[in-house]
Amino acid sequence: MIKCLLIPLLFLTLLCSSCGCSQPEISLYNLFDQVDSSPPVFLSATMLNQNTATLSFNESIDEDSVSLWCEQNSVVSFTVMDKTLTLSLGKPLSLASSLALEGRVEDNRGNSVQFGIVLWAKNNNPATVLINEFTTKGSETNPDRVELVVTSRGNLAGLTLYAGVVDDWTDRFVFPDRWVERGTYIVVSFSKGEQDVAWYTSEQQAGLSSNNGCLSIAMSPEWTSPVLDAVVWGNMSTSTFEGFGSASLLAQVNSLFQSGQWNSKESNKAVDSNASTATRSFCRDRLTDSNSSDDWYVCATRKATFGSLNATDRYIP
């Protein structure tokens, strides 16, 4: 039967193409084309405020198919507009807190996907900060530390400091709900040892990479969150993975370069880590921020000043 149908269609097409008359274009449809059988792909989730979130997918969503559930809260309403699902929570999320949300949606052909995500409360008044001082070769008395300086007043809630980057990290610290003024110094310890009571401590206390690594700070823990600042360091002698020592660090530096938070993908453009020790910290030079190694120097022995203005005495080999 299919052959019988195709022969007349083929003849009609040849006839129209061979004559000089003006005819509307005839479109032949492939009878064997398959319909869409791929489920929607979840792309991202963003909190608009402490009650409302938007979820994005790669194709249009059928509003009647949406199911959403979460513990310790409730979804009281939602709307769908093309590829975007907007939901309202019964209770607002506290700043610097998160909520696990599960859901199921279908596209317009009935293909479904089930997903689980974490929503983070929206901080509408974030402080701006720079990484100002850090050490990576800590000891029991001088653990690995990172100091931030506040460059404009605001709330720290949700700001996230990573040993690594937002989607590839070995340790991190998510800042609590705390209002800070410009010029405030904030210290996060990344390894175990003697701690000042005013310091925060990272989640893993795993320590920073001694010779080759990177730090970054993002607006929130969400994996799509913009990066606010970053620094890359290296020992200038590692030969593997283009001088970075691992595939992970190479990818992290490429990510920072692409986002404009570091100005080079080359390992020899990192901050030189050879002169640093537990008490000779990396220091930002007068708050300059060119996203390059030019912004940094190593202070003199025992001149690390975590929690206050950087020492001006520099290490001289």
Protein backbone atom coordinates (compact mmCIF):
# COMPACT_ATOMS: atom_id res chain seq x y z
CA MET A 1 0.00 0.00 0.00
CA ILE A 2 2.83 2.44 0.87
CA LYS A 3 4.48 1.82 -2.53
CA CYS A 4 1.16 2.58 -4.24
CA LEU A 5 0.94 5.94 -2.50
CA LEU A 6 4.58 6.95 -3.10
CA ILE A 7 4.55 6.35 -6.87
CA PRO A 8 1.75 8.88 -7.68
CA LEU A 9 3.34 11.42 -5.34
CA LEU A 10 6.71 11.02 -7.01
CA PHE A 11 5.11 11.39 -10.45
CA LEU A 12 3.28 14.57 -9.41
CA THR A 13 6.48 16.09 -8.09
CA LEU A 14 8.39 15.33 -11.32
CA LEU A 15 5.56 16.70 -13.43
CA CYS A 16 5.47 20.04 -11.60
CA SER A 17 9.24 20.43 -11.69
CA SER A 18 9.44 19.75 -15.42
CA CYS A 19 6.79 22.23 -16.58
CA GLY A 20 7.28 25.99 -16.58
CA CYS A 21 3.93 26.82 -15.00
CA SER A 22 3.81 28.64 -11.66
CA GLN A 23 2.60 26.22 -9.04
CA PRO A 24 2.52 26.44 -5.23
CA GLU A 25 5.37 24.45 -3.70
CA ILE A 26 4.35 20.94 -2.79
CA SER A 27 5.69 19.70 0.54
CA LEU A 28 6.15 15.99 0.97
CA TYR A 29 6.22 14.74 4.54
CA ASN A 30 8.28 11.81 5.62
CA LEU A 31 5.74 9.21 6.68
CA PHE A 32 8.35 7.57 8.92
CA ASP A 33 9.25 10.64 11.04
CA GLN A 34 9.00 9.82 14.74
CA VAL A 35 7.11 12.07 17.13
CA ASP A 36 8.92 13.71 20.06
CA SER A 37 9.72 11.05 22.64
CA SER A 38 12.29 12.99 24.72
CA PRO A 39 11.35 14.16 28.22
CA PRO A 40 11.76 17.83 29.19
CA VAL A 41 15.18 18.78 30.56
CA PHE A 42 15.35 20.79 33.78
CA LEU A 43 17.73 23.74 33.26
CA SER A 44 17.75 25.97 36.35
CA ALA A 45 15.90 27.28 39.40
CA THR A 46 16.03 30.80 40.80
CA MET A 47 14.36 32.37 43.83
CA LEU A 48 12.81 35.74 42.94
CA ASN A 49 12.22 36.56 46.61
CA GLN A 50 11.81 34.57 49.81
CA ASN A 51 8.45 33.14 48.66
CA THR A 52 8.67 32.79 44.89
CA ALA A 53 10.83 30.67 42.59
CA THR A 54 11.07 30.10 38.85
CA LEU A 55 12.05 26.79 37.25
CA SER A 56 13.22 26.68 33.63
CA PHE A 57 13.02 23.77 31.18
CA ASN A 58 14.23 23.27 27.62
CA GLU A 59 10.73 22.96 26.14
CA SER A 60 7.14 23.96 26.81
CA ILE A 61 5.47 22.40 29.87
CA ASP A 62 1.89 21.20 30.20
CA GLU A 63 0.48 23.04 33.21
CA ASP A 64 -2.04 20.26 33.97
CA SER A 65 0.79 17.76 34.40
CA VAL A 66 2.72 19.62 37.12
CA SER A 67 3.18 17.94 40.52
CA LEU A 68 5.34 19.59 43.22
CA TRP A 69 6.05 18.58 46.81
CA CYS A 70 8.42 19.51 49.64
CA GLU A 71 8.79 18.78 53.33
CA GLN A 72 8.54 21.52 56.02
CA ASN A 73 6.81 23.86 53.56
CA SER A 74 4.16 23.77 50.84
CA VAL A 75 3.62 24.95 47.29
CA VAL A 76 0.40 26.97 47.48
CA SER A 77 0.19 27.93 43.80
CA PHE A 78 2.02 27.77 40.50
CA THR A 79 1.70 29.01 36.93
CA VAL A 80 3.28 27.85 33.69
CA MET A 81 4.27 30.13 30.83
CA ASP A 82 5.83 28.20 27.95
CA LYS A 83 9.15 26.81 29.33
CA THR A 84 8.97 28.52 32.74
CA LEU A 85 7.22 27.31 35.89
CA THR A 86 6.70 29.89 38.66
CA LEU A 87 5.71 28.70 42.14
CA SER A 88 4.76 30.31 45.45
CA LEU A 89 5.66 28.82 48.83
CA GLY A 90 3.33 28.77 51.80
CA LYS A 91 6.07 30.05 54.14
CA PRO A 92 8.94 32.38 53.21
CA LEU A 93 12.43 30.92 53.34
CA SER A 94 14.70 32.46 55.95
CA LEU A 95 17.79 34.15 54.56
CA ALA A 96 20.75 31.76 54.05
CA SER A 97 18.41 28.74 54.31
CA SER A 98 17.44 26.19 51.68
CA LEU A 99 14.52 23.96 50.79
CA ALA A 100 14.54 20.61 48.97
CA LEU A 101 11.86 20.51 46.29
CA GLU A 102 10.77 17.53 44.20
CA GLY A 103 8.55 17.60 41.17
CA ARG A 104 7.26 16.00 38.00
CA VAL A 105 6.27 17.70 34.74
CA GLU A 106 5.30 16.68 31.22
CA ASP A 107 5.77 18.32 27.85
CA ASN A 108 2.84 18.79 25.47
CA ARG A 109 3.27 15.24 24.09
CA GLY A 110 3.13 13.59 27.51
CA ASN A 111 6.84 12.91 27.97
CA SER A 112 7.61 13.31 31.66
CA VAL A 113 10.60 14.03 33.88
CA GLN A 114 10.94 13.82 37.65
CA PHE A 115 13.46 16.08 39.39
CA GLY A 116 14.84 17.02 42.79
CA ILE A 117 16.40 20.45 43.42
CA VAL A 118 17.43 22.72 46.27
CA LEU A 119 16.06 26.26 46.47
CA TRP A 120 18.03 28.93 48.34
CA ALA A 121 16.41 31.98 49.88
CA LYS A 122 16.88 35.17 47.86
CA ASN A 123 19.09 37.86 49.41
CA ASN A 124 17.87 41.14 47.92
CA ASN A 125 20.51 43.26 49.69
CA PRO A 126 23.80 41.40 49.18
CA ALA A 127 27.09 42.90 50.34
CA THR A 128 29.92 43.04 47.81
CA VAL A 129 33.23 41.51 48.86
CA LEU A 130 36.73 40.73 47.62
CA ILE A 131 39.08 37.90 48.58
CA ASN A 132 41.77 39.90 50.42
CA GLU A 133 44.19 37.45 52.08
CA PHE A 134 44.68 33.68 52.24
CA THR A 135 47.10 30.88 53.14
CA THR A 136 47.30 27.37 51.67
CA LYS A 137 50.16 25.75 53.61
CA GLY A 138 48.62 25.85 57.06
CA SER A 139 49.73 24.28 60.33
CA GLU A 140 48.06 23.40 63.63
CA THR A 141 48.70 26.90 64.95
CA ASN A 142 48.06 28.65 61.63
CA PRO A 143 45.37 26.77 59.69
CA ASP A 144 44.48 27.49 56.07
CA ARG A 145 42.45 30.69 56.11
CA VAL A 146 40.70 33.04 53.68
CA GLU A 147 39.90 36.65 54.49
CA LEU A 148 37.26 38.68 52.70
CA VAL A 149 36.92 42.45 52.83
CA VAL A 150 33.52 44.11 52.40
CA THR A 151 33.60 46.73 49.64
CA SER A 152 29.97 47.84 49.96
CA ARG A 153 27.54 47.38 52.85
CA GLY A 154 24.83 44.75 52.74
CA ASN A 155 23.83 41.28 53.91
CA LEU A 156 26.17 38.29 53.62
CA ALA A 157 23.27 35.80 53.60
CA GLY A 158 23.86 33.08 51.01
CA LEU A 159 27.19 34.34 49.68
CA THR A 160 29.29 31.22 49.17
CA LEU A 161 33.08 30.91 49.35
CA TYR A 162 34.44 27.89 47.44
CA ALA A 163 37.69 26.00 47.36
CA GLY A 164 37.07 25.57 43.65
CA VAL A 165 34.09 26.91 41.73
CA VAL A 166 30.34 26.74 42.12
CA ASP A 167 29.86 23.45 40.23
CA ASP A 168 33.18 21.79 41.18
CA TRP A 169 34.53 22.29 44.69
CA THR A 170 36.25 20.40 47.51
CA ASP A 171 35.06 22.64 50.35
CA ARG A 172 32.88 25.69 50.85
CA PHE A 173 31.25 28.04 53.32
CA VAL A 174 27.75 29.50 52.95
CA PHE A 175 27.48 32.77 54.87
CA PRO A 176 24.70 33.27 57.39
CA ASP A 177 22.23 36.15 57.69
CA ARG A 178 24.53 38.97 58.80
CA TRP A 179 24.54 42.66 57.91
CA VAL A 180 28.03 44.11 57.38
CA GLU A 181 29.46 47.55 56.71
CA ARG A 182 32.05 48.58 54.17
CA GLY A 183 35.58 47.86 55.40
CA THR A 184 34.61 44.82 57.52
CA TYR A 185 37.09 41.91 57.45
CA ILE A 186 35.69 38.36 57.52
CA VAL A 187 37.81 35.22 58.03
CA VAL A 188 36.93 31.63 57.10
CA SER A 189 39.15 28.77 58.27
CA PHE A 190 39.49 25.87 55.80
CA SER A 191 41.49 23.44 57.97
CA LYS A 192 41.61 22.26 61.56
CA GLY A 193 43.80 24.06 64.06
CA GLU A 194 43.73 26.98 66.48
CA GLN A 195 40.69 29.10 65.68
CA ASP A 196 39.84 32.66 66.59
CA VAL A 197 36.31 32.79 68.03
CA ALA A 198 35.36 35.40 65.43
CA TRP A 199 36.23 33.14 62.48
CA TYR A 200 33.87 31.02 60.47
CA THR A 201 34.80 27.42 59.57
CA SER A 202 34.26 25.68 56.22
CA GLU A 203 32.00 22.66 55.84
CA GLN A 204 34.69 20.02 55.30
CA GLN A 205 37.73 21.52 57.05
CA ALA A 206 39.63 19.71 54.31
CA GLY A 207 42.35 22.30 53.79
CA LEU A 208 43.23 24.22 50.64
CA SER A 209 45.47 22.86 47.90
CA SER A 210 49.02 23.84 48.86
CA ASN A 211 50.66 24.47 45.50
CA ASN A 212 47.99 24.73 42.78
CA GLY A 213 44.40 25.77 43.35
CA CYS A 214 41.72 28.41 43.16
CA LEU A 215 39.18 30.18 45.33
CA SER A 216 35.94 31.82 44.24
CA ILE A 217 32.99 33.51 45.88
CA ALA A 218 29.51 33.40 44.38
CA MET A 219 26.30 35.29 45.06
CA SER A 220 24.58 32.12 46.32
CA PRO A 221 25.06 28.31 46.42
CA GLU A 222 22.86 27.89 43.32
CA TRP A 223 24.92 26.37 40.52
CA THR A 224 23.86 29.15 38.12
CA SER A 225 24.89 31.88 40.56
CA PRO A 226 27.25 34.61 39.26
CA VAL A 227 30.83 34.68 40.57
CA LEU A 228 31.83 37.85 42.46
CA ASP A 229 35.59 37.31 42.79
CA ALA A 230 38.27 34.64 42.34
CA VAL A 231 42.00 33.96 42.59
CA VAL A 232 44.21 31.23 41.09
CA TRP A 233 47.61 30.14 42.44
CA GLY A 234 50.30 27.74 41.20
CA ASN A 235 53.89 26.60 41.74
CA MET A 236 55.06 27.22 38.15
CA SER A 237 56.72 23.79 37.95
CA THR A 238 53.85 21.29 37.63
CA SER A 239 53.85 19.78 34.14
CA THR A 240 50.59 17.81 33.99
CA PHE A 241 47.24 19.17 32.80
CA GLU A 242 48.75 22.26 31.21
CA GLY A 243 50.61 23.11 34.41
CA PHE A 244 47.63 22.95 36.79
CA GLY A 245 48.21 19.39 38.03
CA SER A 246 44.66 18.07 37.66
CA ALA A 247 41.84 17.99 35.14
CA SER A 248 39.54 19.46 37.78
CA LEU A 249 41.66 22.58 38.39
CA LEU A 250 42.20 23.06 34.66
CA ALA A 251 38.42 23.05 34.15
CA GLN A 252 37.89 25.39 37.10
CA VAL A 253 40.36 27.95 35.74
CA ASN A 254 38.75 27.74 32.30
CA SER A 255 35.39 28.41 33.95
CA LEU A 256 36.73 31.46 35.80
CA PHE A 257 38.34 32.74 32.60
CA GLN A 258 35.09 32.37 30.66
CA SER A 259 33.13 34.22 33.36
CA GLY A 260 35.64 37.09 33.34
CA GLN A 261 36.83 36.50 36.92
CA TRP A 262 40.40 35.52 35.95
CA ASN A 263 42.26 37.01 33.01
CA SER A 264 44.23 34.00 31.77
CA LYS A 265 43.91 30.26 31.14
CA GLU A 266 47.69 29.79 31.41
CA SER A 267 49.23 28.29 34.56
CA ASN A 268 52.21 30.67 34.45
CA LYS A 269 49.79 33.57 34.91
CA ALA A 270 48.62 32.28 38.31
CA VAL A 271 49.80 33.80 41.61
CA ASP A 272 53.19 32.20 42.40
CA SER A 273 52.75 29.93 45.44
CA ASN A 274 56.41 29.08 46.02
CA ALA A 275 57.17 31.78 48.59
CA SER A 276 54.02 31.29 50.67
CA THR A 277 53.97 29.52 54.06
CA ALA A 278 51.59 29.21 57.01
CA THR A 279 52.60 32.71 58.16
CA ARG A 280 53.54 34.25 54.80
CA SER A 281 50.10 34.86 53.36
CA PHE A 282 48.96 35.90 49.92
CA CYS A 283 47.79 39.52 50.20
CA ARG A 284 45.78 41.68 47.83
CA ASP A 285 47.63 44.86 46.96
CA ARG A 286 45.57 47.89 48.08
CA LEU A 287 42.26 46.34 46.97
CA THR A 288 43.23 46.38 43.29
CA ASP A 289 41.09 43.98 41.27
CA SER A 290 42.33 43.34 37.74
CA ASN A 291 41.57 39.60 38.03
CA SER A 292 45.25 38.77 37.61
CA SER A 293 48.35 37.82 39.57
CA ASP A 294 49.37 41.50 39.51
CA ASP A 295 46.85 42.08 42.32
CA TRP A 296 48.76 39.86 44.77
CA TYR A 297 52.00 39.65 46.78
CA VAL A 298 53.35 37.42 49.58
CA CYS A 299 53.84 39.17 52.90
CA ALA A 300 56.97 38.86 55.06
CA THR A 301 57.37 35.94 57.51
CA ARG A 302 54.91 36.09 60.46
CA LYS A 303 53.23 39.17 58.96
CA ALA A 304 49.88 37.56 58.12
CA THR A 305 47.12 39.85 59.40
CA PHE A 306 43.85 37.96 59.17
CA GLY A 307 40.97 40.12 60.35
CA SER A 308 42.65 43.47 59.74
CA LEU A 309 44.43 45.59 57.12
CA ASN A 310 47.02 43.69 55.08
CA ALA A 311 50.67 44.03 56.07
CA THR A 312 52.75 46.13 53.69
CA ASP A 313 56.00 44.26 54.44
CA ARG A 314 56.69 41.93 51.51
CA TYR A 315 58.67 38.74 51.44
CA ILE A 316 62.04 39.15 49.72
CA PRO A 317 63.77 35.86 48.85
